[in-house]
Amino acid sequence: MSKLFGDYIREKREALRREDPEYSIRRVALRIGIHHSYLSKIERGEPASLSEKRVLALAEELGENPELLMVMSGRVPESLRRAVFSDPEWAVQVLERIKTEKRS
């Protein structure tokens, strides 16, 4: 996992924890089926990976879009893979636009 992904996950989890103690690192890790030290490692951006199943569980836990978290974690959801194969030229155009558009 990357530092960017870890920072994003930690920020989302901490925002939820401010409102509800059920979002402590230990409780979230337990609910998605990993050890809290492993989730901590991910949040710090240290080398670690989550299976697709765990990324999807984390997305559900944090109320995030599952496909977004899959991409952020470095994985490509099957639905996006199928879209790319169905129209590769369109996919290249979209990817180029994503890379070149300035985000404000």
N, C-alpha and C. Protein backbone atom coordinates (compact mmCIF):
# COMPACT_ATOMS: atom_id res chain seq x y z
N MET A 1 0.84 -1.17 0.00
CA MET A 1 0.00 0.00 0.00
C MET A 1 0.89 1.24 0.00
N SER A 2 0.37 2.29 -0.54
CA SER A 2 1.15 3.51 -0.63
C SER A 2 0.86 4.44 0.54
N LYS A 3 1.74 5.39 0.72
CA LYS A 3 1.55 6.42 1.75
C LYS A 3 0.26 7.20 1.48
N LEU A 4 -0.01 7.49 0.21
CA LEU A 4 -1.23 8.23 -0.13
C LEU A 4 -2.48 7.45 0.29
N PHE A 5 -2.48 6.14 -0.01
CA PHE A 5 -3.63 5.31 0.37
C PHE A 5 -3.76 5.26 1.89
N GLY A 6 -2.66 5.04 2.57
CA GLY A 6 -2.68 4.98 4.03
C GLY A 6 -3.18 6.26 4.66
N ASP A 7 -2.69 7.39 4.15
CA ASP A 7 -3.15 8.69 4.67
C ASP A 7 -4.64 8.86 4.46
N TYR A 8 -5.12 8.46 3.28
CA TYR A 8 -6.54 8.59 2.96
C TYR A 8 -7.39 7.75 3.92
N ILE A 9 -6.98 6.51 4.11
CA ILE A 9 -7.72 5.60 4.99
C ILE A 9 -7.72 6.12 6.42
N ARG A 10 -6.55 6.51 6.91
CA ARG A 10 -6.45 7.02 8.28
C ARG A 10 -7.33 8.25 8.47
N GLU A 11 -7.28 9.17 7.49
CA GLU A 11 -8.10 10.39 7.59
C GLU A 11 -9.58 10.05 7.66
N LYS A 12 -10.03 9.14 6.82
CA LYS A 12 -11.46 8.76 6.81
C LYS A 12 -11.84 8.06 8.12
N ARG A 13 -10.99 7.14 8.58
CA ARG A 13 -11.30 6.41 9.81
C ARG A 13 -11.30 7.34 11.02
N GLU A 14 -10.32 8.23 11.09
CA GLU A 14 -10.23 9.16 12.21
C GLU A 14 -11.42 10.13 12.23
N ALA A 15 -11.86 10.56 11.06
CA ALA A 15 -13.03 11.45 11.01
C ALA A 15 -14.26 10.73 11.57
N LEU A 16 -14.42 9.46 11.23
CA LEU A 16 -15.54 8.69 11.76
C LEU A 16 -15.38 8.45 13.27
N ARG A 17 -14.14 8.22 13.71
CA ARG A 17 -13.87 7.95 15.13
C ARG A 17 -14.17 9.16 16.00
N ARG A 18 -14.01 10.35 15.45
CA ARG A 18 -14.33 11.55 16.25
C ARG A 18 -15.81 11.57 16.65
N GLU A 19 -16.64 10.94 15.84
CA GLU A 19 -18.07 10.88 16.12
C GLU A 19 -18.49 9.58 16.81
N ASP A 20 -17.68 8.53 16.63
CA ASP A 20 -18.09 7.21 17.11
C ASP A 20 -16.84 6.38 17.46
N PRO A 21 -16.69 5.99 18.73
CA PRO A 21 -15.51 5.23 19.14
C PRO A 21 -15.41 3.84 18.49
N GLU A 22 -16.46 3.40 17.83
CA GLU A 22 -16.43 2.11 17.13
C GLU A 22 -15.44 2.14 15.96
N TYR A 23 -14.93 3.30 15.62
CA TYR A 23 -14.00 3.42 14.49
C TYR A 23 -12.55 3.51 14.95
N SER A 24 -12.28 2.97 16.13
CA SER A 24 -10.87 2.88 16.56
C SER A 24 -10.17 1.92 15.60
N ILE A 25 -8.85 2.02 15.54
CA ILE A 25 -8.11 1.16 14.63
C ILE A 25 -8.32 -0.32 14.97
N ARG A 26 -8.40 -0.64 16.26
CA ARG A 26 -8.60 -2.03 16.67
C ARG A 26 -9.97 -2.55 16.23
N ARG A 27 -10.98 -1.76 16.41
CA ARG A 27 -12.34 -2.23 16.07
C ARG A 27 -12.56 -2.34 14.57
N VAL A 28 -12.04 -1.37 13.82
CA VAL A 28 -12.17 -1.44 12.36
C VAL A 28 -11.42 -2.66 11.84
N ALA A 29 -10.21 -2.85 12.31
CA ALA A 29 -9.40 -4.00 11.86
C ALA A 29 -10.13 -5.31 12.16
N LEU A 30 -10.68 -5.42 13.35
CA LEU A 30 -11.42 -6.63 13.72
C LEU A 30 -12.59 -6.87 12.77
N ARG A 31 -13.33 -5.81 12.47
CA ARG A 31 -14.52 -5.97 11.61
C ARG A 31 -14.16 -6.33 10.18
N ILE A 32 -12.98 -5.91 9.69
CA ILE A 32 -12.63 -6.27 8.31
C ILE A 32 -11.78 -7.54 8.25
N GLY A 33 -11.44 -8.08 9.43
CA GLY A 33 -10.77 -9.38 9.48
C GLY A 33 -9.26 -9.35 9.40
N ILE A 34 -8.64 -8.27 9.89
CA ILE A 34 -7.18 -8.22 9.94
C ILE A 34 -6.75 -7.78 11.33
N HIS A 35 -5.48 -7.94 11.65
CA HIS A 35 -4.95 -7.51 12.95
C HIS A 35 -4.79 -6.00 12.94
N HIS A 36 -5.01 -5.38 14.09
CA HIS A 36 -4.91 -3.92 14.18
C HIS A 36 -3.52 -3.41 13.82
N SER A 37 -2.48 -4.19 14.12
CA SER A 37 -1.12 -3.74 13.77
C SER A 37 -0.93 -3.71 12.26
N TYR A 38 -1.63 -4.59 11.55
CA TYR A 38 -1.54 -4.60 10.09
C TYR A 38 -2.24 -3.38 9.49
N LEU A 39 -3.41 -3.04 10.04
CA LEU A 39 -4.10 -1.84 9.58
C LEU A 39 -3.27 -0.61 9.89
N SER A 40 -2.63 -0.59 11.03
CA SER A 40 -1.76 0.53 11.39
C SER A 40 -0.61 0.66 10.38
N LYS A 41 -0.06 -0.47 10.00
CA LYS A 41 1.02 -0.48 9.01
C LYS A 41 0.53 0.10 7.68
N ILE A 42 -0.66 -0.27 7.27
CA ILE A 42 -1.24 0.25 6.03
C ILE A 42 -1.44 1.76 6.14
N GLU A 43 -1.99 2.20 7.26
CA GLU A 43 -2.25 3.63 7.46
C GLU A 43 -0.96 4.44 7.47
N ARG A 44 0.14 3.84 7.88
CA ARG A 44 1.43 4.54 7.88
C ARG A 44 2.12 4.48 6.52
N GLY A 45 1.53 3.75 5.57
CA GLY A 45 2.10 3.67 4.23
C GLY A 45 3.26 2.70 4.11
N GLU A 46 3.38 1.81 5.08
CA GLU A 46 4.45 0.82 5.03
C GLU A 46 4.06 -0.30 4.07
N PRO A 47 5.04 -1.04 3.59
CA PRO A 47 4.73 -2.13 2.65
C PRO A 47 3.76 -3.14 3.26
N ALA A 48 2.62 -3.26 2.67
CA ALA A 48 1.57 -4.18 3.10
C ALA A 48 0.54 -4.21 1.99
N SER A 49 -0.24 -5.24 1.94
CA SER A 49 -1.29 -5.27 0.93
C SER A 49 -2.55 -5.88 1.53
N LEU A 50 -3.64 -5.51 0.95
CA LEU A 50 -4.93 -6.06 1.34
C LEU A 50 -5.50 -6.82 0.15
N SER A 51 -6.13 -7.94 0.43
CA SER A 51 -6.82 -8.67 -0.63
C SER A 51 -8.01 -7.84 -1.11
N GLU A 52 -8.51 -8.18 -2.27
CA GLU A 52 -9.69 -7.48 -2.79
C GLU A 52 -10.83 -7.56 -1.78
N LYS A 53 -11.00 -8.72 -1.18
CA LYS A 53 -12.07 -8.92 -0.19
C LYS A 53 -11.93 -7.93 0.97
N ARG A 54 -10.70 -7.74 1.44
CA ARG A 54 -10.47 -6.84 2.58
C ARG A 54 -10.61 -5.37 2.17
N VAL A 55 -10.19 -5.03 0.95
CA VAL A 55 -10.38 -3.64 0.48
C VAL A 55 -11.87 -3.33 0.39
N LEU A 56 -12.64 -4.28 -0.12
CA LEU A 56 -14.09 -4.07 -0.22
C LEU A 56 -14.73 -3.96 1.16
N ALA A 57 -14.27 -4.77 2.10
CA ALA A 57 -14.79 -4.69 3.47
C ALA A 57 -14.43 -3.34 4.09
N LEU A 58 -13.22 -2.86 3.84
CA LEU A 58 -12.80 -1.57 4.36
C LEU A 58 -13.63 -0.44 3.76
N ALA A 59 -13.90 -0.53 2.47
CA ALA A 59 -14.74 0.48 1.81
C ALA A 59 -16.12 0.52 2.45
N GLU A 60 -16.70 -0.65 2.67
CA GLU A 60 -18.02 -0.70 3.30
C GLU A 60 -17.97 -0.14 4.72
N GLU A 61 -16.94 -0.50 5.45
CA GLU A 61 -16.77 -0.04 6.83
C GLU A 61 -16.67 1.48 6.91
N LEU A 62 -15.95 2.08 5.97
CA LEU A 62 -15.72 3.53 5.99
C LEU A 62 -16.77 4.31 5.19
N GLY A 63 -17.70 3.60 4.56
CA GLY A 63 -18.72 4.27 3.76
C GLY A 63 -18.16 4.88 2.49
N GLU A 64 -17.14 4.24 1.94
CA GLU A 64 -16.48 4.75 0.74
C GLU A 64 -16.90 3.92 -0.48
N ASN A 65 -16.70 4.50 -1.65
CA ASN A 65 -16.97 3.79 -2.89
C ASN A 65 -15.96 2.65 -3.03
N PRO A 66 -16.43 1.41 -3.18
CA PRO A 66 -15.51 0.27 -3.25
C PRO A 66 -14.54 0.34 -4.43
N GLU A 67 -15.02 0.77 -5.59
CA GLU A 67 -14.14 0.85 -6.76
C GLU A 67 -13.07 1.92 -6.56
N LEU A 68 -13.42 3.01 -5.90
CA LEU A 68 -12.45 4.06 -5.63
C LEU A 68 -11.33 3.52 -4.74
N LEU A 69 -11.70 2.83 -3.65
CA LEU A 69 -10.67 2.29 -2.76
C LEU A 69 -9.85 1.21 -3.44
N MET A 70 -10.47 0.43 -4.32
CA MET A 70 -9.71 -0.58 -5.06
C MET A 70 -8.62 0.10 -5.89
N VAL A 71 -8.99 1.13 -6.62
CA VAL A 71 -8.02 1.83 -7.46
C VAL A 71 -6.97 2.51 -6.59
N MET A 72 -7.38 3.14 -5.52
CA MET A 72 -6.44 3.82 -4.63
C MET A 72 -5.45 2.83 -4.01
N SER A 73 -5.88 1.60 -3.81
CA SER A 73 -5.00 0.59 -3.21
C SER A 73 -4.08 -0.06 -4.25
N GLY A 74 -4.26 0.31 -5.51
CA GLY A 74 -3.40 -0.24 -6.56
C GLY A 74 -4.01 -1.43 -7.28
N ARG A 75 -5.26 -1.69 -7.05
CA ARG A 75 -5.94 -2.80 -7.71
C ARG A 75 -6.94 -2.25 -8.72
N VAL A 76 -7.26 -3.05 -9.71
CA VAL A 76 -8.24 -2.64 -10.71
C VAL A 76 -9.47 -3.52 -10.54
N PRO A 77 -10.60 -2.91 -10.20
CA PRO A 77 -11.83 -3.69 -10.05
C PRO A 77 -12.22 -4.36 -11.37
N GLU A 78 -12.83 -5.52 -11.26
CA GLU A 78 -13.23 -6.27 -12.46
C GLU A 78 -14.14 -5.45 -13.37
N SER A 79 -15.02 -4.64 -12.79
CA SER A 79 -15.93 -3.84 -13.62
C SER A 79 -15.15 -2.86 -14.50
N LEU A 80 -14.07 -2.29 -13.97
CA LEU A 80 -13.26 -1.37 -14.77
C LEU A 80 -12.45 -2.13 -15.81
N ARG A 81 -11.94 -3.30 -15.45
CA ARG A 81 -11.21 -4.12 -16.43
C ARG A 81 -12.10 -4.43 -17.62
N ARG A 82 -13.34 -4.80 -17.34
CA ARG A 82 -14.27 -5.13 -18.43
C ARG A 82 -14.55 -3.91 -19.30
N ALA A 83 -14.69 -2.74 -18.68
CA ALA A 83 -14.92 -1.51 -19.44
C ALA A 83 -13.74 -1.22 -20.35
N VAL A 84 -12.53 -1.43 -19.86
CA VAL A 84 -11.33 -1.19 -20.67
C VAL A 84 -11.31 -2.15 -21.85
N PHE A 85 -11.58 -3.42 -21.61
CA PHE A 85 -11.56 -4.40 -22.70
C PHE A 85 -12.67 -4.16 -23.72
N SER A 86 -13.79 -3.62 -23.26
CA SER A 86 -14.90 -3.41 -24.20
C SER A 86 -14.64 -2.24 -25.14
N ASP A 87 -13.83 -1.28 -24.72
CA ASP A 87 -13.52 -0.13 -25.58
C ASP A 87 -12.16 0.46 -25.19
N PRO A 88 -11.08 -0.19 -25.61
CA PRO A 88 -9.74 0.26 -25.21
C PRO A 88 -9.41 1.69 -25.63
N GLU A 89 -9.87 2.10 -26.80
CA GLU A 89 -9.57 3.47 -27.25
C GLU A 89 -10.21 4.50 -26.33
N TRP A 90 -11.44 4.27 -25.95
CA TRP A 90 -12.12 5.15 -25.01
C TRP A 90 -11.37 5.19 -23.68
N ALA A 91 -10.93 4.01 -23.22
CA ALA A 91 -10.22 3.93 -21.95
C ALA A 91 -8.93 4.75 -21.99
N VAL A 92 -8.21 4.68 -23.09
CA VAL A 92 -6.97 5.46 -23.23
C VAL A 92 -7.28 6.95 -23.16
N GLN A 93 -8.34 7.37 -23.83
CA GLN A 93 -8.73 8.79 -23.79
C GLN A 93 -9.07 9.23 -22.37
N VAL A 94 -9.81 8.41 -21.66
CA VAL A 94 -10.19 8.75 -20.28
C VAL A 94 -8.94 8.82 -19.40
N LEU A 95 -8.06 7.86 -19.54
CA LEU A 95 -6.84 7.86 -18.73
C LEU A 95 -5.96 9.07 -19.03
N GLU A 96 -5.85 9.43 -20.27
CA GLU A 96 -5.06 10.62 -20.63
C GLU A 96 -5.69 11.88 -20.05
N ARG A 97 -7.01 11.96 -20.11
CA ARG A 97 -7.70 13.12 -19.55
C ARG A 97 -7.49 13.20 -18.04
N ILE A 98 -7.55 12.06 -17.37
CA ILE A 98 -7.33 12.03 -15.92
C ILE A 98 -5.93 12.52 -15.60
N LYS A 99 -4.94 12.07 -16.37
CA LYS A 99 -3.55 12.45 -16.09
C LYS A 99 -3.29 13.91 -16.35
N THR A 100 -3.96 14.51 -17.35
CA THR A 100 -3.62 15.86 -17.76
C THR A 100 -4.52 16.94 -17.17
N GLU A 101 -5.70 16.59 -16.73
CA GLU A 101 -6.59 17.61 -16.16
C GLU A 101 -6.02 18.15 -14.87
N LYS A 102 -6.08 19.43 -14.74
CA LYS A 102 -5.61 20.06 -13.51
C LYS A 102 -6.75 20.01 -12.49
N ARG A 103 -6.44 19.47 -11.33
CA ARG A 103 -7.43 19.38 -10.25
C ARG A 103 -7.30 20.59 -9.36
N SER A 104 -8.40 21.24 -9.07
CA SER A 104 -8.37 22.41 -8.19
C SER A 104 -8.73 22.04 -6.79
